[in-house]
């Protein structure tokens, strides 16, 4: 003999409606928290992580003289790099704003050359383009000069290499400018965990 539970249709309707209402409220709360978390992940520069409560402010940037061949030192990017990258040792500076600035020279195998003055903000792992070098030794200010998140893709692997291997450690500038120059000159990357 089977046991049959008889529940009036009106009670089933009420229970179903209450369950759907709870499910909808839970989804709404979850969606709100997801949207807030997504905003933090998509816009890391919008949030200030400084311990002193002050918002970060970039210092005024002075463009250095054009690079001289004698001051250029190459650095390793990756085995698949299609360009050779050089940094002008004399142009390297580390500001009180936590940004390491430098002149970068990239050369193709065919002989084409690009010169740019750039910065890397170690705390947020971002890069910025300040100016382009011209053939006559002058500079043109970059029109698109927003901070951009650095990633390891082939398109900007040289920024990742500079940041991880020579300029930044644990979200801070990796030592004094002399230390950075020495690491690049001797091709001695920062060791993980050191």
N, C-alpha and C. Protein backbone atom coordinates (compact mmCIF):
# COMPACT_ATOMS: atom_id res chain seq x y z
N UNK A 1 0.83 -1.16 0.00
CA UNK A 1 0.00 0.00 0.00
C UNK A 1 0.89 1.24 0.00
N UNK A 2 0.62 2.16 -0.89
CA UNK A 2 1.40 3.38 -1.03
C UNK A 2 0.82 4.48 -0.17
N UNK A 3 1.71 5.32 0.34
CA UNK A 3 1.29 6.45 1.16
C UNK A 3 1.15 7.68 0.26
N UNK A 4 0.02 8.33 0.30
CA UNK A 4 -0.25 9.48 -0.55
C UNK A 4 -0.45 10.70 0.34
N UNK A 5 0.30 11.72 0.08
CA UNK A 5 0.19 12.97 0.82
C UNK A 5 -0.67 13.91 0.00
N UNK A 6 -1.69 14.40 0.62
CA UNK A 6 -2.59 15.29 -0.10
C UNK A 6 -2.44 16.70 0.46
N UNK A 7 -1.95 17.61 -0.42
CA UNK A 7 -1.79 19.02 -0.04
C UNK A 7 -2.70 19.82 -0.96
N UNK A 8 -3.50 20.71 -0.36
CA UNK A 8 -4.39 21.51 -1.20
C UNK A 8 -3.59 22.35 -2.20
N UNK A 9 -4.13 22.56 -3.38
CA UNK A 9 -3.50 23.30 -4.47
C UNK A 9 -3.15 24.72 -4.03
N UNK A 10 -3.96 25.35 -3.22
CA UNK A 10 -3.68 26.72 -2.78
C UNK A 10 -2.42 26.77 -1.93
N UNK A 11 -2.15 25.78 -1.11
CA UNK A 11 -0.92 25.75 -0.32
C UNK A 11 0.30 25.54 -1.21
N UNK A 12 0.18 24.69 -2.18
CA UNK A 12 1.29 24.46 -3.11
C UNK A 12 1.60 25.75 -3.87
N UNK A 13 0.56 26.46 -4.29
CA UNK A 13 0.76 27.72 -5.01
C UNK A 13 1.47 28.74 -4.13
N UNK A 14 1.07 28.81 -2.87
CA UNK A 14 1.71 29.77 -1.95
C UNK A 14 3.18 29.41 -1.71
N UNK A 15 3.44 28.14 -1.48
CA UNK A 15 4.82 27.70 -1.25
C UNK A 15 5.69 27.95 -2.48
N UNK A 16 5.16 27.67 -3.64
CA UNK A 16 5.90 27.91 -4.88
C UNK A 16 6.18 29.39 -5.07
N UNK A 17 5.21 30.24 -4.82
CA UNK A 17 5.38 31.68 -4.95
C UNK A 17 6.42 32.20 -3.96
N UNK A 18 6.39 31.70 -2.71
CA UNK A 18 7.36 32.12 -1.69
C UNK A 18 8.77 31.69 -2.09
N UNK A 19 8.89 30.48 -2.61
CA UNK A 19 10.20 29.99 -3.04
C UNK A 19 10.78 30.81 -4.19
N UNK A 20 9.94 31.15 -5.15
CA UNK A 20 10.40 31.97 -6.28
C UNK A 20 10.79 33.36 -5.82
N UNK A 21 10.04 33.92 -4.87
CA UNK A 21 10.37 35.25 -4.33
C UNK A 21 11.73 35.22 -3.64
N UNK A 22 11.98 34.21 -2.82
CA UNK A 22 13.29 34.06 -2.16
C UNK A 22 14.41 33.88 -3.17
N UNK A 23 14.17 33.08 -4.17
CA UNK A 23 15.18 32.85 -5.20
C UNK A 23 15.51 34.15 -5.93
N UNK A 24 14.50 34.93 -6.25
CA UNK A 24 14.72 36.22 -6.92
C UNK A 24 15.50 37.19 -6.06
N UNK A 25 15.19 37.24 -4.75
CA UNK A 25 15.91 38.14 -3.85
C UNK A 25 17.37 37.72 -3.72
N UNK A 26 17.62 36.43 -3.63
CA UNK A 26 18.99 35.93 -3.52
C UNK A 26 19.78 36.26 -4.78
N UNK A 27 19.18 36.09 -5.93
CA UNK A 27 19.87 36.40 -7.19
C UNK A 27 20.19 37.88 -7.29
N UNK A 28 19.28 38.73 -6.82
CA UNK A 28 19.50 40.18 -6.87
C UNK A 28 20.67 40.58 -5.96
N UNK A 29 20.72 40.05 -4.75
CA UNK A 29 21.81 40.36 -3.82
C UNK A 29 23.13 39.86 -4.40
N UNK A 30 23.12 38.64 -4.95
CA UNK A 30 24.34 38.07 -5.53
C UNK A 30 24.81 38.91 -6.73
N UNK A 31 23.88 39.36 -7.55
CA UNK A 31 24.25 40.17 -8.72
C UNK A 31 24.86 41.49 -8.30
N UNK A 32 24.33 42.12 -7.24
CA UNK A 32 24.89 43.39 -6.75
C UNK A 32 26.32 43.19 -6.29
N UNK A 33 26.58 42.14 -5.51
CA UNK A 33 27.94 41.93 -5.02
C UNK A 33 28.88 41.56 -6.16
N UNK A 34 28.38 40.82 -7.15
CA UNK A 34 29.22 40.48 -8.31
C UNK A 34 29.59 41.72 -9.09
N UNK A 35 28.63 42.62 -9.32
CA UNK A 35 28.92 43.84 -10.07
C UNK A 35 29.97 44.69 -9.37
N UNK A 36 29.90 44.80 -8.06
CA UNK A 36 30.87 45.59 -7.33
C UNK A 36 32.25 44.96 -7.42
N UNK A 37 32.32 43.65 -7.28
CA UNK A 37 33.60 42.96 -7.38
C UNK A 37 34.19 43.09 -8.78
N UNK A 38 33.33 43.03 -9.80
CA UNK A 38 33.81 43.16 -11.17
C UNK A 38 34.39 44.54 -11.40
N UNK A 39 33.76 45.56 -10.85
CA UNK A 39 34.27 46.92 -11.04
C UNK A 39 35.66 47.05 -10.45
N UNK A 40 35.89 46.43 -9.32
CA UNK A 40 37.21 46.51 -8.71
C UNK A 40 38.25 45.81 -9.58
N UNK A 41 37.88 44.70 -10.17
CA UNK A 41 38.84 43.96 -10.99
C UNK A 41 39.11 44.67 -12.32
N UNK A 42 38.10 45.31 -12.89
CA UNK A 42 38.27 45.94 -14.19
C UNK A 42 38.98 47.27 -14.12
N UNK A 43 38.91 47.94 -12.98
CA UNK A 43 39.48 49.29 -12.86
C UNK A 43 40.39 49.40 -11.65
N UNK A 44 41.53 48.71 -11.63
CA UNK A 44 42.38 48.74 -10.45
C UNK A 44 42.92 50.12 -10.14
N UNK A 45 43.08 50.98 -11.13
CA UNK A 45 43.60 52.32 -10.89
C UNK A 45 42.58 53.24 -10.23
N UNK A 46 41.29 52.82 -10.22
CA UNK A 46 40.26 53.66 -9.62
C UNK A 46 40.24 53.57 -8.10
N UNK A 47 40.92 52.60 -7.54
CA UNK A 47 40.89 52.40 -6.10
C UNK A 47 42.25 52.69 -5.52
N UNK A 48 42.27 53.36 -4.39
CA UNK A 48 43.53 53.79 -3.78
C UNK A 48 43.92 52.81 -2.68
N UNK A 49 45.10 52.24 -2.79
CA UNK A 49 45.57 51.28 -1.81
C UNK A 49 46.59 51.88 -0.85
N UNK A 50 46.80 53.19 -0.92
CA UNK A 50 47.78 53.82 -0.05
C UNK A 50 47.36 53.70 1.41
N UNK A 51 48.31 53.37 2.28
CA UNK A 51 48.02 53.21 3.69
C UNK A 51 47.73 54.52 4.40
N UNK A 52 48.25 55.62 3.89
CA UNK A 52 48.08 56.89 4.58
C UNK A 52 46.75 57.56 4.27
N UNK A 53 45.91 56.95 3.44
CA UNK A 53 44.60 57.50 3.16
C UNK A 53 44.60 58.59 2.10
N UNK A 54 45.74 59.04 1.66
CA UNK A 54 45.82 60.07 0.63
C UNK A 54 45.72 59.42 -0.74
N UNK A 55 45.11 60.13 -1.67
CA UNK A 55 45.03 59.57 -3.01
C UNK A 55 46.37 59.77 -3.73
N UNK A 56 46.67 58.84 -4.61
CA UNK A 56 47.94 58.88 -5.35
C UNK A 56 47.91 60.02 -6.35
N UNK A 57 49.02 60.70 -6.49
CA UNK A 57 49.13 61.76 -7.48
C UNK A 57 50.46 61.63 -8.19
N UNK A 58 50.41 61.67 -9.50
CA UNK A 58 51.61 61.57 -10.32
C UNK A 58 52.37 62.89 -10.28
N UNK A 59 53.70 62.77 -10.19
CA UNK A 59 54.52 63.98 -10.19
C UNK A 59 54.66 64.51 -11.62
N UNK A 60 55.07 65.77 -11.74
CA UNK A 60 55.29 66.36 -13.06
C UNK A 60 56.46 65.65 -13.72
N UNK A 61 56.29 65.32 -14.98
CA UNK A 61 57.30 64.55 -15.71
C UNK A 61 58.09 65.44 -16.66
N UNK A 62 59.39 65.37 -16.53
CA UNK A 62 60.29 66.10 -17.42
C UNK A 62 60.85 65.11 -18.45
N UNK A 63 60.73 65.44 -19.71
CA UNK A 63 61.25 64.58 -20.77
C UNK A 63 62.77 64.75 -20.84
N UNK A 64 63.53 63.65 -20.84
CA UNK A 64 64.99 63.74 -20.86
C UNK A 64 65.52 64.04 -22.26
N UNK A 65 66.82 64.28 -22.37
CA UNK A 65 67.42 64.45 -23.70
C UNK A 65 67.27 63.16 -24.51
N UNK A 66 67.39 63.28 -25.81
CA UNK A 66 67.32 62.11 -26.70
C UNK A 66 68.41 61.11 -26.30
N UNK A 67 68.12 59.82 -26.47
CA UNK A 67 69.11 58.81 -26.08
C UNK A 67 70.35 58.82 -26.98
N UNK A 68 71.47 58.51 -26.37
CA UNK A 68 72.74 58.37 -27.10
C UNK A 68 73.06 56.89 -27.20
N UNK A 69 73.59 56.46 -28.32
CA UNK A 69 73.89 55.04 -28.55
C UNK A 69 74.77 54.45 -27.45
N UNK A 70 75.70 55.24 -26.91
CA UNK A 70 76.62 54.74 -25.88
C UNK A 70 75.90 54.39 -24.58
N UNK A 71 74.71 54.94 -24.36
CA UNK A 71 73.97 54.71 -23.10
C UNK A 71 72.91 53.62 -23.23
N UNK A 72 72.76 53.02 -24.41
CA UNK A 72 71.72 52.01 -24.63
C UNK A 72 72.22 50.63 -24.24
N UNK A 73 71.38 49.94 -23.45
CA UNK A 73 71.68 48.56 -23.05
C UNK A 73 70.47 47.70 -23.40
N UNK A 74 70.72 46.58 -24.07
CA UNK A 74 69.62 45.69 -24.45
C UNK A 74 69.17 44.87 -23.24
N UNK A 75 67.91 44.44 -23.28
CA UNK A 75 67.40 43.56 -22.23
C UNK A 75 66.55 42.48 -22.88
N UNK A 76 66.52 41.33 -22.22
CA UNK A 76 65.83 40.15 -22.75
C UNK A 76 64.32 40.31 -22.57
N UNK A 77 63.56 39.98 -23.62
CA UNK A 77 62.10 40.06 -23.55
C UNK A 77 61.50 38.66 -23.59
N UNK A 78 61.73 37.92 -24.66
CA UNK A 78 61.22 36.55 -24.77
C UNK A 78 61.85 35.89 -25.99
N UNK A 79 61.79 34.57 -26.08
CA UNK A 79 62.39 33.89 -27.23
C UNK A 79 61.62 34.15 -28.53
N UNK A 80 60.38 34.62 -28.43
CA UNK A 80 59.58 34.87 -29.63
C UNK A 80 59.51 36.35 -30.00
N UNK A 81 60.26 37.19 -29.31
CA UNK A 81 60.23 38.63 -29.61
C UNK A 81 60.69 38.90 -31.03
N UNK A 82 59.97 39.77 -31.71
CA UNK A 82 60.33 40.12 -33.09
C UNK A 82 61.11 41.43 -33.15
N UNK A 83 61.25 42.09 -32.02
CA UNK A 83 62.00 43.34 -31.93
C UNK A 83 63.11 43.17 -30.90
N UNK A 84 64.12 44.01 -30.99
CA UNK A 84 65.17 44.08 -29.96
C UNK A 84 64.90 45.34 -29.15
N UNK A 85 64.99 45.23 -27.83
CA UNK A 85 64.66 46.34 -26.95
C UNK A 85 65.89 46.81 -26.18
N UNK A 86 65.99 48.13 -26.07
CA UNK A 86 67.11 48.76 -25.37
C UNK A 86 66.54 49.83 -24.43
N UNK A 87 67.25 50.05 -23.33
CA UNK A 87 66.86 51.10 -22.41
C UNK A 87 68.04 52.06 -22.26
N UNK A 88 67.74 53.33 -22.23
CA UNK A 88 68.77 54.36 -22.06
C UNK A 88 69.05 54.48 -20.56
N UNK A 89 70.22 53.99 -20.14
CA UNK A 89 70.55 53.97 -18.71
C UNK A 89 70.49 55.36 -18.08
N UNK A 90 70.93 56.37 -18.79
CA UNK A 90 70.96 57.73 -18.23
C UNK A 90 69.56 58.30 -18.01
N UNK A 91 68.56 57.76 -18.72
CA UNK A 91 67.20 58.29 -18.62
C UNK A 91 66.41 57.70 -17.45
N UNK A 92 66.90 56.65 -16.83
CA UNK A 92 66.14 55.97 -15.77
C UNK A 92 66.03 56.87 -14.55
N UNK A 93 64.80 57.02 -14.05
CA UNK A 93 64.55 57.76 -12.82
C UNK A 93 63.44 57.08 -12.04
N UNK A 94 63.46 57.25 -10.74
CA UNK A 94 62.40 56.71 -9.89
C UNK A 94 61.83 57.87 -9.09
N UNK A 95 60.56 58.18 -9.33
CA UNK A 95 59.92 59.32 -8.67
C UNK A 95 59.34 58.97 -7.32
N UNK A 96 59.06 60.01 -6.54
CA UNK A 96 58.42 59.82 -5.23
C UNK A 96 57.01 59.26 -5.38
N UNK A 97 56.48 59.28 -6.60
CA UNK A 97 55.15 58.73 -6.85
C UNK A 97 55.18 57.23 -7.13
N UNK A 98 56.36 56.61 -7.03
CA UNK A 98 56.48 55.16 -7.24
C UNK A 98 56.52 54.76 -8.70
N UNK A 99 56.84 55.70 -9.58
CA UNK A 99 56.91 55.42 -11.01
C UNK A 99 58.37 55.43 -11.46
N UNK A 100 58.77 54.40 -12.18
CA UNK A 100 60.10 54.35 -12.78
C UNK A 100 59.92 54.80 -14.23
N UNK A 101 60.66 55.85 -14.60
CA UNK A 101 60.58 56.39 -15.96
C UNK A 101 61.89 56.12 -16.70
N UNK A 102 61.78 55.94 -18.01
CA UNK A 102 62.95 55.55 -18.81
C UNK A 102 62.67 55.82 -20.28
N UNK A 103 63.74 55.89 -21.06
CA UNK A 103 63.62 55.96 -22.52
C UNK A 103 63.84 54.56 -23.07
N UNK A 104 62.91 54.15 -23.92
CA UNK A 104 62.95 52.82 -24.53
C UNK A 104 63.22 52.98 -26.03
N UNK A 105 64.14 52.15 -26.53
CA UNK A 105 64.41 52.10 -27.97
C UNK A 105 64.12 50.69 -28.44
N UNK A 106 63.27 50.57 -29.44
CA UNK A 106 62.99 49.25 -30.02
C UNK A 106 63.41 49.26 -31.47
N UNK A 107 64.07 48.18 -31.88
CA UNK A 107 64.60 48.07 -33.24
C UNK A 107 64.12 46.76 -33.86
N UNK A 108 63.68 46.86 -35.12
CA UNK A 108 63.27 45.66 -35.84
C UNK A 108 64.49 45.05 -36.53
N UNK A 109 64.35 43.83 -36.98
CA UNK A 109 65.43 43.16 -37.71
C UNK A 109 65.75 43.90 -39.01
N UNK A 110 64.74 44.59 -39.57
CA UNK A 110 64.94 45.32 -40.83
C UNK A 110 65.58 46.69 -40.62
N UNK A 111 65.76 47.09 -39.36
CA UNK A 111 66.42 48.36 -39.08
C UNK A 111 65.52 49.50 -38.66
N UNK A 112 64.21 49.29 -38.66
CA UNK A 112 63.29 50.34 -38.20
C UNK A 112 63.49 50.54 -36.70
N UNK A 113 63.38 51.79 -36.27
CA UNK A 113 63.62 52.10 -34.86
C UNK A 113 62.53 53.01 -34.30
N UNK A 114 62.08 52.71 -33.09
CA UNK A 114 61.12 53.54 -32.37
C UNK A 114 61.75 53.96 -31.06
N UNK A 115 61.53 55.21 -30.68
CA UNK A 115 62.03 55.74 -29.41
C UNK A 115 60.83 56.27 -28.64
N UNK A 116 60.74 55.93 -27.38
CA UNK A 116 59.64 56.42 -26.56
C UNK A 116 60.11 56.67 -25.13
N UNK A 117 59.46 57.63 -24.49
CA UNK A 117 59.71 57.89 -23.07
C UNK A 117 58.50 57.39 -22.34
N UNK A 118 58.72 56.48 -21.35
CA UNK A 118 57.63 55.75 -20.71
C UNK A 118 57.81 55.70 -19.21
N UNK A 119 56.79 55.21 -18.54
CA UNK A 119 56.85 55.00 -17.10
C UNK A 119 56.14 53.73 -16.72
N UNK A 120 56.59 53.12 -15.62
CA UNK A 120 55.91 51.94 -15.06
C UNK A 120 55.61 52.24 -13.60
N UNK A 121 54.35 52.12 -13.23
CA UNK A 121 53.92 52.30 -11.84
C UNK A 121 53.87 50.92 -11.20
N UNK A 122 54.81 50.67 -10.29
CA UNK A 122 54.97 49.34 -9.72
C UNK A 122 53.78 48.92 -8.86
N UNK A 123 53.19 49.84 -8.12
CA UNK A 123 52.11 49.50 -7.21
C UNK A 123 50.90 48.90 -7.93
N UNK A 124 50.58 49.43 -9.09
CA UNK A 124 49.40 48.97 -9.82
C UNK A 124 49.74 48.14 -11.05
N UNK A 125 51.04 47.96 -11.33
CA UNK A 125 51.51 47.17 -12.47
C UNK A 125 50.92 47.73 -13.76
N UNK A 126 51.15 49.03 -13.98
CA UNK A 126 50.65 49.75 -15.15
C UNK A 126 51.80 50.47 -15.84
N UNK A 127 51.61 50.73 -17.13
CA UNK A 127 52.61 51.49 -17.89
C UNK A 127 51.94 52.70 -18.54
N UNK A 128 52.77 53.68 -18.87
CA UNK A 128 52.27 54.91 -19.48
C UNK A 128 53.28 55.40 -20.51
N UNK A 129 52.78 55.90 -21.62
CA UNK A 129 53.62 56.47 -22.67
C UNK A 129 53.55 57.99 -22.54
N UNK A 130 54.71 58.63 -22.40
CA UNK A 130 54.75 60.09 -22.26
C UNK A 130 55.05 60.78 -23.59
N UNK A 131 56.01 60.26 -24.36
CA UNK A 131 56.43 60.95 -25.58
C UNK A 131 57.10 59.98 -26.55
N UNK A 132 57.09 60.39 -27.82
CA UNK A 132 57.78 59.67 -28.89
C UNK A 132 58.99 60.47 -29.32
N UNK A 133 60.11 59.77 -29.55
CA UNK A 133 61.31 60.43 -30.05
C UNK A 133 61.28 60.59 -31.56
N UNK A 134 61.75 61.73 -32.03
CA UNK A 134 61.81 62.02 -33.47
C UNK A 134 63.24 61.83 -33.97
N UNK A 135 63.42 61.71 -35.27
CA UNK A 135 64.75 61.49 -35.85
C UNK A 135 65.72 62.63 -35.56
N UNK A 136 65.18 63.85 -35.41
CA UNK A 136 66.05 65.01 -35.16
C UNK A 136 66.42 65.17 -33.68
N UNK A 137 65.99 64.22 -32.84
CA UNK A 137 66.31 64.27 -31.41
C UNK A 137 65.26 64.98 -30.57
N UNK A 138 64.22 65.51 -31.19
CA UNK A 138 63.15 66.17 -30.43
C UNK A 138 62.11 65.13 -29.98
N UNK A 139 61.17 65.57 -29.18
CA UNK A 139 60.13 64.69 -28.66
C UNK A 139 58.75 65.22 -29.05
N UNK A 140 57.81 64.32 -29.27
CA UNK A 140 56.41 64.66 -29.47
C UNK A 140 55.62 64.03 -28.33
N UNK A 141 54.87 64.84 -27.61
CA UNK A 141 54.06 64.31 -26.51
C UNK A 141 53.05 63.30 -27.03
N UNK A 142 52.84 62.23 -26.29
CA UNK A 142 51.86 61.21 -26.67
C UNK A 142 50.45 61.73 -26.42
N UNK A 143 49.58 61.54 -27.38
CA UNK A 143 48.18 61.96 -27.20
C UNK A 143 47.43 60.98 -26.32
N UNK A 144 47.68 59.71 -26.51
CA UNK A 144 47.05 58.68 -25.68
C UNK A 144 48.03 58.31 -24.57
N UNK A 145 47.87 58.96 -23.44
CA UNK A 145 48.85 58.76 -22.37
C UNK A 145 48.21 58.35 -21.05
N UNK A 146 47.21 57.49 -21.14
CA UNK A 146 46.58 56.96 -19.93
C UNK A 146 47.39 55.78 -19.40
N UNK A 147 47.26 55.52 -18.12
CA UNK A 147 47.88 54.34 -17.53
C UNK A 147 47.16 53.11 -18.05
N UNK A 148 47.95 52.10 -18.46
CA UNK A 148 47.38 50.85 -18.98
C UNK A 148 47.96 49.67 -18.21
N UNK A 149 47.12 48.74 -17.89
CA UNK A 149 47.54 47.54 -17.18
C UNK A 149 48.54 46.76 -18.02
N UNK A 150 49.61 46.30 -17.40
CA UNK A 150 50.63 45.50 -18.09
C UNK A 150 50.20 44.05 -18.07
N UNK A 151 50.35 43.36 -19.20
CA UNK A 151 50.13 41.91 -19.21
C UNK A 151 51.26 41.26 -19.99
N UNK A 152 51.28 39.96 -19.96
CA UNK A 152 52.38 39.22 -20.58
C UNK A 152 52.15 38.87 -22.04
N UNK A 153 51.16 39.48 -22.68
CA UNK A 153 50.92 39.16 -24.08
C UNK A 153 52.06 39.67 -24.95
N UNK A 154 52.17 39.13 -26.12
CA UNK A 154 53.27 39.48 -27.01
C UNK A 154 53.28 40.96 -27.35
N UNK A 155 52.11 41.60 -27.38
CA UNK A 155 52.02 43.00 -27.77
C UNK A 155 52.79 43.95 -26.87
N UNK A 156 52.89 43.66 -25.59
CA UNK A 156 53.63 44.55 -24.70
C UNK A 156 54.47 43.77 -23.70
N UNK A 157 55.00 42.68 -24.13
CA UNK A 157 55.83 41.83 -23.27
C UNK A 157 57.06 42.56 -22.75
N UNK A 158 57.53 43.56 -23.47
CA UNK A 158 58.72 44.29 -23.01
C UNK A 158 58.41 45.06 -21.72
N UNK A 159 57.17 45.54 -21.54
CA UNK A 159 56.80 46.21 -20.29
C UNK A 159 56.80 45.21 -19.13
N UNK A 160 56.25 44.03 -19.38
CA UNK A 160 56.23 43.00 -18.34
C UNK A 160 57.64 42.58 -17.96
N UNK A 161 58.49 42.43 -18.96
CA UNK A 161 59.87 42.05 -18.70
C UNK A 161 60.58 43.11 -17.86
N UNK A 162 60.44 44.37 -18.24
CA UNK A 162 61.06 45.44 -17.45
C UNK A 162 60.54 45.46 -16.03
N UNK A 163 59.22 45.41 -15.89
CA UNK A 163 58.62 45.50 -14.55
C UNK A 163 59.03 44.33 -13.67
N UNK A 164 58.86 43.11 -14.17
CA UNK A 164 59.13 41.92 -13.35
C UNK A 164 60.61 41.65 -13.12
N UNK A 165 61.42 41.87 -14.16
CA UNK A 165 62.81 41.47 -14.08
C UNK A 165 63.77 42.54 -13.56
N UNK A 166 63.39 43.82 -13.71
CA UNK A 166 64.37 44.86 -13.39
C UNK A 166 63.87 46.01 -12.52
N UNK A 167 62.61 46.41 -12.67
CA UNK A 167 62.17 47.66 -12.05
C UNK A 167 61.36 47.52 -10.77
N UNK A 168 60.51 46.51 -10.67
CA UNK A 168 59.55 46.42 -9.57
C UNK A 168 59.69 45.12 -8.78
N UNK A 169 59.37 45.21 -7.50
CA UNK A 169 59.37 44.03 -6.65
C UNK A 169 58.35 44.24 -5.53
N UNK A 170 57.42 43.31 -5.40
CA UNK A 170 56.39 43.38 -4.35
C UNK A 170 55.62 44.69 -4.39
N UNK A 171 55.30 45.18 -5.59
CA UNK A 171 54.51 46.39 -5.74
C UNK A 171 55.24 47.68 -5.46
N UNK A 172 56.56 47.62 -5.37
CA UNK A 172 57.36 48.82 -5.11
C UNK A 172 58.53 48.88 -6.09
N UNK A 173 59.13 50.06 -6.19
CA UNK A 173 60.33 50.20 -7.00
C UNK A 173 61.42 49.34 -6.37
N UNK A 174 62.09 48.54 -7.19
CA UNK A 174 63.09 47.57 -6.71
C UNK A 174 64.44 48.23 -6.45
N UNK A 175 64.52 48.98 -5.38
CA UNK A 175 65.79 49.58 -4.98
C UNK A 175 66.03 50.95 -5.58
N UNK A 176 67.26 51.38 -5.48
CA UNK A 176 67.65 52.70 -5.98
C UNK A 176 67.87 52.64 -7.50
N UNK A 177 67.92 53.78 -8.12
CA UNK A 177 68.15 53.85 -9.57
C UNK A 177 69.47 53.17 -9.92
N UNK A 178 70.50 53.34 -9.08
CA UNK A 178 71.80 52.70 -9.33
C UNK A 178 71.66 51.18 -9.36
N UNK A 179 70.82 50.63 -8.47
CA UNK A 179 70.58 49.19 -8.44
C UNK A 179 69.91 48.72 -9.73
N UNK A 180 68.94 49.49 -10.19
CA UNK A 180 68.22 49.15 -11.42
C UNK A 180 69.18 49.17 -12.61
N UNK A 181 69.98 50.23 -12.69
CA UNK A 181 70.96 50.32 -13.79
C UNK A 181 71.93 49.15 -13.77
N UNK A 182 72.39 48.80 -12.58
CA UNK A 182 73.34 47.69 -12.44
C UNK A 182 72.71 46.37 -12.89
N UNK A 183 71.44 46.12 -12.51
CA UNK A 183 70.76 44.88 -12.91
C UNK A 183 70.64 44.80 -14.43
N UNK A 184 70.26 45.91 -15.05
CA UNK A 184 70.08 45.91 -16.50
C UNK A 184 71.42 45.75 -17.21
N UNK A 185 72.43 46.48 -16.76
CA UNK A 185 73.76 46.43 -17.38
C UNK A 185 74.35 45.02 -17.31
N UNK A 186 74.21 44.38 -16.16
CA UNK A 186 74.80 43.05 -15.99
C UNK A 186 73.82 41.93 -16.35
N UNK A 187 72.64 42.29 -16.89
CA UNK A 187 71.62 41.30 -17.24
C UNK A 187 71.35 40.35 -16.08
N UNK A 188 71.08 40.94 -14.91
CA UNK A 188 70.86 40.19 -13.68
C UNK A 188 69.43 40.44 -13.17
N UNK A 189 68.44 39.71 -13.72
CA UNK A 189 67.05 39.95 -13.31
C UNK A 189 66.82 39.70 -11.82
N UNK A 190 65.77 40.33 -11.30
CA UNK A 190 65.36 40.11 -9.92
C UNK A 190 64.92 38.67 -9.78
N UNK A 191 65.36 38.01 -8.74
CA UNK A 191 64.94 36.63 -8.51
C UNK A 191 63.61 36.64 -7.77
N UNK A 192 62.67 35.78 -8.16
CA UNK A 192 61.39 35.71 -7.46
C UNK A 192 61.61 35.42 -5.97
N UNK A 193 60.93 36.16 -5.12
CA UNK A 193 61.02 35.95 -3.68
C UNK A 193 62.23 36.55 -3.03
N UNK A 194 63.08 37.27 -3.78
CA UNK A 194 64.27 37.84 -3.15
C UNK A 194 64.02 39.24 -2.64
